[in-house]
N, C-alpha and C. Protein backbone atom coordinates (compact mmCIF):
# COMPACT_ATOMS: atom_id res chain seq x y z
N MET A 1 -10.09 -12.13 3.78
CA MET A 1 -8.66 -11.89 3.78
C MET A 1 -8.27 -11.25 5.10
N LYS A 2 -7.29 -11.80 5.74
CA LYS A 2 -6.84 -11.28 7.02
C LYS A 2 -5.95 -10.06 6.83
N ALA A 3 -6.06 -9.11 7.76
CA ALA A 3 -5.24 -7.90 7.69
C ALA A 3 -3.75 -8.26 7.74
N LYS A 4 -3.39 -9.29 8.49
CA LYS A 4 -1.99 -9.70 8.58
C LYS A 4 -1.45 -10.06 7.21
N THR A 5 -2.21 -10.77 6.42
CA THR A 5 -1.79 -11.14 5.07
C THR A 5 -1.64 -9.90 4.20
N ILE A 6 -2.57 -8.98 4.29
CA ILE A 6 -2.48 -7.73 3.54
C ILE A 6 -1.26 -6.95 3.99
N ARG A 7 -1.08 -6.86 5.29
CA ARG A 7 0.08 -6.16 5.87
C ARG A 7 1.38 -6.75 5.33
N ASP A 8 1.49 -8.07 5.41
CA ASP A 8 2.70 -8.74 4.95
C ASP A 8 2.95 -8.49 3.46
N ALA A 9 1.89 -8.53 2.68
CA ALA A 9 2.03 -8.30 1.24
C ALA A 9 2.49 -6.88 0.94
N ILE A 10 1.91 -5.90 1.61
CA ILE A 10 2.32 -4.50 1.40
C ILE A 10 3.79 -4.32 1.76
N LEU A 11 4.18 -4.83 2.92
CA LEU A 11 5.57 -4.67 3.37
C LEU A 11 6.55 -5.39 2.43
N ALA A 12 6.20 -6.59 2.02
CA ALA A 12 7.09 -7.34 1.13
C ALA A 12 7.21 -6.67 -0.23
N MET A 13 6.09 -6.21 -0.76
CA MET A 13 6.12 -5.62 -2.09
C MET A 13 6.81 -4.26 -2.11
N THR A 14 6.62 -3.45 -1.08
CA THR A 14 7.31 -2.15 -1.05
C THR A 14 8.80 -2.37 -0.86
N ALA A 15 9.18 -3.33 -0.03
CA ALA A 15 10.61 -3.61 0.18
C ALA A 15 11.25 -4.13 -1.11
N GLU A 16 10.56 -5.00 -1.80
CA GLU A 16 11.08 -5.57 -3.03
C GLU A 16 11.23 -4.51 -4.12
N ARG A 17 10.31 -3.58 -4.18
CA ARG A 17 10.34 -2.54 -5.21
C ARG A 17 11.50 -1.58 -4.98
N GLY A 18 11.82 -1.31 -3.71
CA GLY A 18 12.98 -0.47 -3.42
C GLY A 18 12.61 0.91 -2.90
N ASP A 19 13.62 1.58 -2.36
CA ASP A 19 13.42 2.87 -1.70
C ASP A 19 12.92 3.98 -2.62
N ASP A 20 13.31 3.98 -3.86
CA ASP A 20 12.94 5.08 -4.76
C ASP A 20 11.72 4.78 -5.60
N LYS A 21 11.04 3.67 -5.33
CA LYS A 21 9.91 3.24 -6.15
C LYS A 21 8.65 3.10 -5.30
N THR A 22 7.52 3.03 -5.98
CA THR A 22 6.24 2.86 -5.29
C THR A 22 5.50 1.65 -5.86
N ILE A 23 4.50 1.22 -5.13
CA ILE A 23 3.59 0.18 -5.62
C ILE A 23 2.18 0.73 -5.63
N CYS A 24 1.37 0.16 -6.49
CA CYS A 24 -0.04 0.51 -6.55
C CYS A 24 -0.80 -0.47 -5.65
N PRO A 25 -1.76 0.00 -4.89
CA PRO A 25 -2.54 -0.91 -4.06
C PRO A 25 -3.20 -2.04 -4.85
N SER A 26 -3.52 -1.78 -6.11
CA SER A 26 -4.12 -2.84 -6.92
C SER A 26 -3.13 -3.97 -7.19
N GLU A 27 -1.84 -3.68 -7.18
CA GLU A 27 -0.83 -4.73 -7.32
C GLU A 27 -0.90 -5.69 -6.13
N VAL A 28 -1.09 -5.12 -4.95
CA VAL A 28 -1.23 -5.94 -3.74
C VAL A 28 -2.49 -6.79 -3.85
N ALA A 29 -3.57 -6.17 -4.27
CA ALA A 29 -4.84 -6.89 -4.40
C ALA A 29 -4.73 -8.05 -5.38
N ARG A 30 -4.10 -7.80 -6.52
CA ARG A 30 -3.94 -8.86 -7.52
C ARG A 30 -3.03 -9.97 -7.02
N ALA A 31 -1.99 -9.60 -6.28
CA ALA A 31 -1.08 -10.61 -5.74
C ALA A 31 -1.81 -11.53 -4.75
N LEU A 32 -2.77 -10.97 -4.02
CA LEU A 32 -3.49 -11.75 -3.01
C LEU A 32 -4.69 -12.50 -3.57
N ALA A 33 -5.38 -11.90 -4.54
CA ALA A 33 -6.65 -12.47 -5.00
C ALA A 33 -6.61 -13.01 -6.43
N GLY A 34 -5.55 -12.74 -7.16
CA GLY A 34 -5.49 -13.19 -8.54
C GLY A 34 -5.99 -12.13 -9.51
N PRO A 35 -6.02 -12.46 -10.79
CA PRO A 35 -6.30 -11.47 -11.83
C PRO A 35 -7.78 -11.10 -12.01
N ASP A 36 -8.69 -11.85 -11.41
CA ASP A 36 -10.12 -11.56 -11.57
C ASP A 36 -10.48 -10.27 -10.84
N GLU A 37 -10.85 -9.24 -11.60
CA GLU A 37 -11.13 -7.93 -11.02
C GLU A 37 -12.23 -7.99 -9.96
N THR A 38 -13.21 -8.85 -10.14
CA THR A 38 -14.28 -8.98 -9.15
C THR A 38 -13.71 -9.39 -7.80
N GLU A 39 -12.72 -10.28 -7.83
CA GLU A 39 -12.10 -10.75 -6.59
C GLU A 39 -11.16 -9.70 -5.99
N TRP A 40 -10.24 -9.18 -6.79
CA TRP A 40 -9.24 -8.29 -6.20
C TRP A 40 -9.81 -6.94 -5.84
N SER A 41 -10.85 -6.49 -6.53
CA SER A 41 -11.41 -5.18 -6.20
C SER A 41 -12.04 -5.15 -4.81
N ARG A 42 -12.47 -6.30 -4.33
CA ARG A 42 -13.01 -6.38 -2.95
C ARG A 42 -11.95 -6.09 -1.89
N LEU A 43 -10.70 -6.24 -2.24
CA LEU A 43 -9.62 -6.02 -1.27
C LEU A 43 -9.15 -4.58 -1.20
N MET A 44 -9.60 -3.74 -2.12
CA MET A 44 -9.07 -2.37 -2.17
C MET A 44 -9.36 -1.58 -0.89
N GLY A 45 -10.54 -1.72 -0.32
CA GLY A 45 -10.86 -1.03 0.94
C GLY A 45 -9.99 -1.51 2.09
N PRO A 46 -9.92 -2.84 2.32
CA PRO A 46 -9.06 -3.34 3.39
C PRO A 46 -7.58 -3.00 3.18
N ILE A 47 -7.13 -2.95 1.93
CA ILE A 47 -5.75 -2.57 1.67
C ILE A 47 -5.51 -1.12 2.06
N ARG A 48 -6.45 -0.26 1.76
CA ARG A 48 -6.31 1.15 2.13
C ARG A 48 -6.24 1.30 3.66
N VAL A 49 -7.10 0.58 4.37
CA VAL A 49 -7.10 0.63 5.84
C VAL A 49 -5.73 0.19 6.37
N GLU A 50 -5.21 -0.90 5.84
CA GLU A 50 -3.92 -1.40 6.31
C GLU A 50 -2.78 -0.46 5.92
N ALA A 51 -2.88 0.17 4.75
CA ALA A 51 -1.86 1.13 4.32
C ALA A 51 -1.80 2.31 5.29
N VAL A 52 -2.95 2.78 5.74
CA VAL A 52 -2.99 3.88 6.70
C VAL A 52 -2.36 3.44 8.03
N ARG A 53 -2.66 2.22 8.47
CA ARG A 53 -2.04 1.71 9.70
C ARG A 53 -0.53 1.65 9.58
N LEU A 54 -0.06 1.14 8.46
CA LEU A 54 1.39 1.03 8.25
C LEU A 54 2.03 2.41 8.17
N ALA A 55 1.35 3.37 7.58
CA ALA A 55 1.88 4.74 7.54
C ALA A 55 1.93 5.32 8.95
N ASP A 56 0.90 5.07 9.75
CA ASP A 56 0.89 5.54 11.14
C ASP A 56 2.05 4.95 11.93
N GLU A 57 2.43 3.72 11.61
CA GLU A 57 3.53 3.05 12.28
C GLU A 57 4.89 3.47 11.73
N GLY A 58 4.89 4.26 10.68
CA GLY A 58 6.14 4.73 10.09
C GLY A 58 6.82 3.71 9.19
N LEU A 59 6.09 2.72 8.73
CA LEU A 59 6.69 1.67 7.90
C LEU A 59 6.56 1.93 6.41
N VAL A 60 5.55 2.66 6.00
CA VAL A 60 5.37 3.05 4.60
C VAL A 60 4.92 4.50 4.55
N VAL A 61 4.99 5.07 3.36
CA VAL A 61 4.41 6.39 3.14
C VAL A 61 3.37 6.27 2.04
N VAL A 62 2.36 7.10 2.14
CA VAL A 62 1.31 7.17 1.13
C VAL A 62 1.65 8.35 0.24
N LYS A 63 1.66 8.11 -1.07
CA LYS A 63 1.98 9.17 -2.03
C LYS A 63 0.83 9.37 -2.99
N ARG A 64 0.66 10.61 -3.34
CA ARG A 64 -0.33 10.99 -4.35
C ARG A 64 0.33 12.00 -5.27
N LYS A 65 0.31 11.72 -6.55
CA LYS A 65 0.96 12.58 -7.54
C LYS A 65 2.43 12.82 -7.19
N GLY A 66 3.09 11.77 -6.68
CA GLY A 66 4.52 11.84 -6.38
C GLY A 66 4.89 12.47 -5.06
N ARG A 67 3.92 12.95 -4.32
CA ARG A 67 4.19 13.62 -3.05
C ARG A 67 3.65 12.81 -1.89
N VAL A 68 4.38 12.84 -0.78
CA VAL A 68 3.89 12.19 0.44
C VAL A 68 2.70 12.98 0.95
N VAL A 69 1.62 12.27 1.29
CA VAL A 69 0.40 12.91 1.78
C VAL A 69 0.05 12.38 3.16
N ASP A 70 -0.79 13.12 3.84
CA ASP A 70 -1.31 12.70 5.14
C ASP A 70 -2.16 11.45 4.91
N PRO A 71 -1.82 10.33 5.56
CA PRO A 71 -2.58 9.10 5.31
C PRO A 71 -4.03 9.16 5.77
N HIS A 72 -4.37 10.17 6.57
CA HIS A 72 -5.74 10.31 7.04
C HIS A 72 -6.54 11.36 6.26
N ASP A 73 -5.89 11.99 5.28
CA ASP A 73 -6.56 13.06 4.57
C ASP A 73 -6.12 13.11 3.11
N PHE A 74 -6.47 12.08 2.36
CA PHE A 74 -6.20 12.09 0.92
C PHE A 74 -7.35 11.41 0.20
N LYS A 75 -7.51 11.79 -1.04
CA LYS A 75 -8.57 11.22 -1.87
C LYS A 75 -7.97 10.73 -3.17
N GLY A 76 -8.64 9.78 -3.77
CA GLY A 76 -8.27 9.35 -5.09
C GLY A 76 -7.17 8.31 -5.13
N ILE A 77 -6.52 8.27 -6.29
CA ILE A 77 -5.48 7.28 -6.56
C ILE A 77 -4.26 7.60 -5.71
N TYR A 78 -3.69 6.54 -5.15
CA TYR A 78 -2.50 6.70 -4.31
C TYR A 78 -1.55 5.55 -4.56
N ARG A 79 -0.33 5.73 -4.09
CA ARG A 79 0.70 4.70 -4.21
C ARG A 79 1.39 4.57 -2.86
N LEU A 80 2.07 3.47 -2.68
CA LEU A 80 2.75 3.20 -1.41
C LEU A 80 4.23 3.01 -1.64
N ALA A 81 5.02 3.52 -0.71
CA ALA A 81 6.47 3.39 -0.78
C ALA A 81 6.99 3.06 0.61
N PRO A 82 8.14 2.41 0.67
CA PRO A 82 8.72 2.18 1.99
C PRO A 82 9.15 3.52 2.59
N ARG A 83 9.09 3.61 3.89
CA ARG A 83 9.55 4.83 4.58
C ARG A 83 11.02 5.01 4.26
N ALA A 84 11.42 6.20 3.83
CA ALA A 84 12.81 6.48 3.52
C ALA A 84 13.67 6.36 4.79
N PRO A 85 14.83 5.75 4.68
CA PRO A 85 15.71 5.65 5.85
C PRO A 85 16.10 7.04 6.35
N GLU A 86 16.16 7.16 7.65
CA GLU A 86 16.58 8.44 8.26
C GLU A 86 18.06 8.66 8.00
N ALA A 87 18.40 9.88 7.62
CA ALA A 87 19.81 10.20 7.33
C ALA A 87 20.54 10.62 8.59
């Protein structure tokens, strides 16, 4: 799976979900690889790498337990949201 495809999927899915909502990285994996857990689970690492890149670029935020976290220093389950528009 190419990073560009993962990138595009993350951006499309976060935009579609909306500013006040988040997506689970496994949703991205399932959208790209289908419902077979063996297939989509292989994408979880590359999705995390791309999520960190997108956060560094200011395009998404990484959230854990509802709070924005440092994309380079978090553990466990996380969610992705579009970067909130600047007021």
